[in-house]
Protein backbone atom coordinates (compact mmCIF):
# COMPACT_ATOMS: atom_id res chain seq x y z
CA MET A 1 -23.65 -11.39 106.93
CA ARG A 2 -25.57 -12.76 103.97
CA ARG A 3 -24.59 -11.70 100.47
CA ILE A 4 -27.16 -10.67 97.88
CA GLU A 5 -26.04 -12.67 94.85
CA ARG A 6 -25.45 -10.75 91.65
CA HIS A 7 -25.12 -13.48 89.02
CA GLU A 8 -23.95 -11.21 86.22
CA THR A 9 -21.03 -9.92 88.32
CA ALA A 10 -17.53 -11.29 87.75
CA GLN A 11 -15.90 -13.19 90.60
CA VAL A 12 -12.41 -12.37 91.87
CA ARG A 13 -10.20 -13.76 94.61
CA ILE A 14 -8.49 -11.77 97.33
CA GLU A 15 -6.23 -12.91 100.14
CA PHE A 16 -6.91 -11.99 103.76
CA GLU A 17 -4.30 -12.94 106.33
CA GLY A 18 -3.02 -15.61 103.92
CA GLN A 19 -6.46 -17.14 103.26
CA ALA A 20 -7.97 -16.98 99.76
CA LEU A 21 -11.47 -15.50 99.73
CA PRO A 22 -14.01 -15.09 96.92
CA ALA A 23 -15.35 -11.64 96.17
CA GLN A 24 -17.48 -10.02 93.51
CA LEU A 25 -16.07 -7.38 91.24
CA GLY A 26 -17.41 -4.06 92.54
CA ASP A 27 -17.37 -5.17 96.19
CA THR A 28 -15.45 -3.03 98.62
CA VAL A 29 -12.78 -4.81 100.65
CA ALA A 30 -14.98 -4.35 103.74
CA ALA A 31 -18.02 -5.91 102.04
CA ALA A 32 -15.96 -8.88 100.83
CA LEU A 33 -14.45 -9.49 104.28
CA LEU A 34 -17.79 -9.18 106.05
CA ALA A 35 -19.39 -11.57 103.53
CA ALA A 36 -16.62 -14.05 104.40
CA ASN A 37 -17.47 -13.63 108.12
CA HIS A 38 -14.39 -11.59 109.08
CA TRP A 39 -15.32 -8.86 111.58
CA CYS A 40 -11.99 -7.68 113.05
CA PHE A 41 -10.03 -5.54 110.59
CA ARG A 42 -7.57 -3.78 112.89
CA SER A 43 -6.46 -3.30 116.48
CA THR A 44 -6.24 0.03 118.29
CA PRO A 45 -2.78 1.50 119.01
CA VAL A 46 -3.22 1.95 122.78
CA SER A 47 -5.22 -1.00 124.09
CA GLY A 48 -5.05 -3.40 121.14
CA ALA A 49 -8.87 -3.62 121.08
CA ALA A 50 -10.39 -5.18 117.97
CA ARG A 51 -12.11 -2.87 115.49
CA GLY A 52 -14.17 -3.45 112.37
CA PRO A 53 -16.31 -1.45 109.97
CA PHE A 54 -18.80 0.88 111.58
CA CYS A 55 -20.01 3.54 109.14
CA MET A 56 -19.19 1.88 105.77
CA MET A 57 -18.86 5.32 104.15
CA GLY A 58 -15.32 6.48 104.95
CA VAL A 59 -15.98 8.60 108.02
CA CYS A 60 -14.97 6.57 111.08
CA PHE A 61 -11.65 4.91 110.03
CA ASP A 62 -12.42 1.75 112.03
CA CYS A 63 -11.93 -0.38 108.90
CA LEU A 64 -8.25 0.49 108.29
CA VAL A 65 -6.29 -2.41 106.80
CA GLU A 66 -3.03 -3.02 105.00
CA ILE A 67 -3.56 -3.64 101.27
CA ASP A 68 -0.70 -4.92 99.13
CA GLY A 69 1.80 -3.68 101.72
CA VAL A 70 0.27 -0.19 102.11
CA ALA A 71 -1.13 0.57 105.57
CA ASN A 72 -3.99 2.89 106.55
CA ARG A 73 -6.28 1.93 103.66
CA GLN A 74 -10.01 2.28 104.29
CA ALA A 75 -11.55 -1.10 103.49
CA CYS A 76 -15.00 0.44 103.05
CA MET A 77 -13.77 2.82 100.35
CA THR A 78 -11.48 0.47 98.39
CA GLU A 79 -12.84 -1.85 95.71
CA VAL A 80 -11.44 -5.36 95.46
CA ARG A 81 -9.05 -6.37 92.69
CA ASP A 82 -8.18 -9.91 91.72
CA GLY A 83 -5.11 -11.04 93.68
CA MET A 84 -5.29 -8.22 96.25
CA ARG A 85 -3.48 -9.06 99.52
CA VAL A 86 -5.15 -7.70 102.66
CA LYS A 87 -3.88 -7.87 106.25
CA ARG A 88 -5.23 -6.67 109.57
CA GLN A 89 -3.64 -3.44 110.66
CA GLN A 90 -1.96 -3.75 114.04
CA GLY A 91 -2.08 -0.44 115.91
CA ALA A 92 -1.13 2.85 114.27
CA SER A 93 0.86 3.01 111.09
CA ASP A 94 2.74 6.02 109.79
CA ILE A 95 2.12 6.92 106.15
CA GLY A 96 5.47 8.68 106.02
CA PRO A 97 6.21 12.35 105.30
CA ASP A 98 6.64 12.04 101.51
CA ARG A 99 3.68 9.87 100.53
CA PHE A 100 1.75 12.72 98.90
CA ALA A 101 4.64 15.16 98.52
CA ASP A 102 3.94 15.75 94.82
CA GLY A 103 0.25 16.39 95.55
CA ASP A 104 -0.85 13.56 93.23
CA GLN A 105 -3.23 11.63 95.44
CA GLU A 106 -4.83 9.94 92.41
CA SER A 107 -1.71 7.84 91.75
CA ALA A 108 -1.40 6.76 95.38
CA PRO A 109 -2.17 3.07 96.00
């Protein structure tokens, strides 16, 4: 995938599977990974088949990754931050019963 350069945009670095990658501030995690030629973001729980972004608008959930230790994050809906650590999600991951117990989804990672 070829990036459209935005020269006035600040550059940041993220880590994907231990590899440092450049990104532009305002990129989603999915856009940054695709620009770096990474296509497999997760594996399915049953067969282990590779999956990557499909809709790029938060509907299909094929772009789920682990970000800074938190699983089930939609790469297409999450903007990059400098120093962000991203890993492929292997199979299903439980968010746990108390993650949004207080109803404050805005403070969730």
